């Protein structure tokens, strides 16, 4: 069974940091582009970052550039999203997703490109 499981969310003060993990079972993440998305209450889900197969390329939503870093660890079949300098507007449920048809070296932060999704992890930024 193909499965993605996010973890690492929680409550953090503004300016704080968190590291989200996206672990896969039943398939290798190394052959998929991986994206992180988020959805805040009352808002549509939006793309945050993506990383290409083998990690050669990354992309970020403009508002998180310089604060978030996406990376992968093939030995753990896991992709990470390091969240830094967090702001209240970063509060949302964060989802990871896998794109099995992405070309090597490419990724696109669009929901329609992604085939498998995790259940999400809550990030709340509040003092």
Protein backbone atom coordinates (compact mmCIF):
# COMPACT_ATOMS: atom_id res chain seq x y z
CA UNK A 1 0.00 0.00 0.00
CA UNK A 2 1.36 3.38 -1.05
CA UNK A 3 1.32 5.81 1.85
CA UNK A 4 2.72 9.20 2.83
CA UNK A 5 2.81 10.23 6.47
CA UNK A 6 3.60 13.74 7.64
CA UNK A 7 4.87 14.56 11.11
CA UNK A 8 6.60 17.34 13.00
CA UNK A 9 3.83 19.88 13.24
CA UNK A 10 2.96 21.70 16.42
CA UNK A 11 2.55 25.01 18.19
CA UNK A 12 5.42 27.46 17.86
CA UNK A 13 5.91 31.14 18.66
CA UNK A 14 6.43 33.70 15.91
CA UNK A 15 10.03 33.63 14.78
CA UNK A 16 10.38 30.00 15.74
CA UNK A 17 11.23 26.95 13.68
CA UNK A 18 9.85 23.50 12.95
CA UNK A 19 10.93 20.61 10.77
CA UNK A 20 8.21 18.69 9.02
CA UNK A 21 8.84 15.17 7.78
CA UNK A 22 7.15 13.27 4.97
CA UNK A 23 7.85 9.56 5.17
CA UNK A 24 6.84 7.11 2.47
CA UNK A 25 5.96 3.46 2.63
CA UNK A 26 5.26 1.12 -0.23
CA UNK A 27 7.30 3.11 -2.75
CA UNK A 28 10.52 5.05 -3.07
CA UNK A 29 10.32 8.81 -2.84
CA UNK A 30 13.56 9.02 -4.78
CA UNK A 31 11.67 8.41 -8.04
CA UNK A 32 9.05 11.08 -7.39
CA UNK A 33 8.99 14.83 -7.22
CA UNK A 34 7.66 15.82 -3.81
CA UNK A 35 5.63 18.84 -2.94
CA UNK A 36 4.51 20.49 0.27
CA UNK A 37 1.16 22.24 0.37
CA UNK A 38 -0.77 23.95 3.13
CA UNK A 39 -4.35 24.86 3.86
CA UNK A 40 -5.47 27.40 6.41
CA UNK A 41 -9.06 27.50 7.72
CA UNK A 42 -11.38 29.06 5.18
CA UNK A 43 -8.71 29.20 2.51
CA UNK A 44 -7.82 27.10 -0.50
CA UNK A 45 -4.88 24.75 -0.36
CA UNK A 46 -1.73 26.35 -1.74
CA UNK A 47 1.63 25.08 -2.85
CA UNK A 48 4.59 25.90 -0.63
CA UNK A 49 7.62 24.08 -2.04
CA UNK A 50 8.67 21.19 -4.21
CA UNK A 51 11.79 19.16 -4.85
CA UNK A 52 12.56 17.23 -8.01
CA UNK A 53 13.49 13.58 -8.24
CA UNK A 54 16.93 13.02 -6.78
CA UNK A 55 16.76 16.52 -5.30
CA UNK A 56 18.41 18.40 -8.13
CA UNK A 57 15.91 21.25 -8.21
CA UNK A 58 13.69 23.03 -5.70
CA UNK A 59 10.99 25.67 -5.94
CA UNK A 60 9.29 27.80 -3.32
CA UNK A 61 6.25 29.98 -2.92
CA UNK A 62 7.48 33.56 -2.93
CA UNK A 63 6.36 34.30 0.63
CA UNK A 64 8.44 31.45 2.10
CA UNK A 65 11.65 31.94 0.14
CA UNK A 66 14.57 32.35 2.49
CA UNK A 67 12.56 30.93 5.40
CA UNK A 68 11.63 27.37 4.33
CA UNK A 69 13.96 24.70 2.99
CA UNK A 70 12.88 21.47 1.34
CA UNK A 71 15.28 18.54 1.28
CA UNK A 72 15.27 14.78 0.97
CA UNK A 73 17.09 11.92 2.67
CA UNK A 74 17.02 8.88 0.38
CA UNK A 75 18.42 6.63 3.10
CA UNK A 76 15.30 7.29 5.17
CA UNK A 77 12.88 7.56 2.24
CA UNK A 78 11.84 10.89 3.73
CA UNK A 79 11.45 14.47 2.54
CA UNK A 80 11.73 17.35 4.98
CA UNK A 81 10.42 20.88 5.08
CA UNK A 82 12.39 23.07 7.45
CA UNK A 83 10.25 26.02 8.51
CA UNK A 84 12.08 29.06 9.83
CA UNK A 85 11.22 32.55 11.04
CA UNK A 86 7.61 31.43 11.27
CA UNK A 87 4.79 33.93 11.08
CA UNK A 88 1.17 33.62 12.21
CA UNK A 89 0.12 33.53 8.55
CA UNK A 90 2.09 30.29 8.15
CA UNK A 91 -0.43 28.53 10.38
CA UNK A 92 -2.13 25.77 8.41
CA UNK A 93 -2.38 22.05 7.89
CA UNK A 94 0.67 21.06 5.88
CA UNK A 95 0.48 18.20 3.38
CA UNK A 96 3.12 16.42 1.39
CA UNK A 97 2.41 14.87 -1.96
CA UNK A 98 4.23 12.78 -4.56
CA UNK A 99 4.31 13.34 -8.31
CA UNK A 100 5.15 10.12 -10.14
CA UNK A 101 5.28 11.63 -13.63
CA UNK A 102 7.61 14.56 -13.04
CA UNK A 103 10.63 14.73 -15.30
CA UNK A 104 13.98 14.35 -13.60
CA UNK A 105 15.22 17.73 -12.47
CA UNK A 106 11.78 19.32 -12.55
CA UNK A 107 8.93 19.96 -10.17
CA UNK A 108 5.82 22.09 -10.22
CA UNK A 109 3.96 23.28 -7.13
CA UNK A 110 0.50 22.61 -8.55
CA UNK A 111 -1.94 20.20 -6.91
CA UNK A 112 -3.01 18.65 -10.18
CA UNK A 113 0.50 17.32 -10.76
CA UNK A 114 0.50 15.20 -7.62
CA UNK A 115 -0.82 11.67 -7.30
CA UNK A 116 -0.36 10.61 -3.69
CA UNK A 117 -1.13 12.68 -0.62
CA UNK A 118 -0.55 12.42 3.09
CA UNK A 119 -3.10 13.18 5.78
CA UNK A 120 -1.48 16.43 6.90
CA UNK A 121 0.14 17.85 10.02
CA UNK A 122 -1.01 20.97 11.83
CA UNK A 123 1.31 23.94 12.24
CA UNK A 124 0.15 26.75 14.50
CA UNK A 125 2.20 29.91 14.92
CA UNK A 126 1.01 31.94 17.87
CA UNK A 127 2.32 33.76 20.90
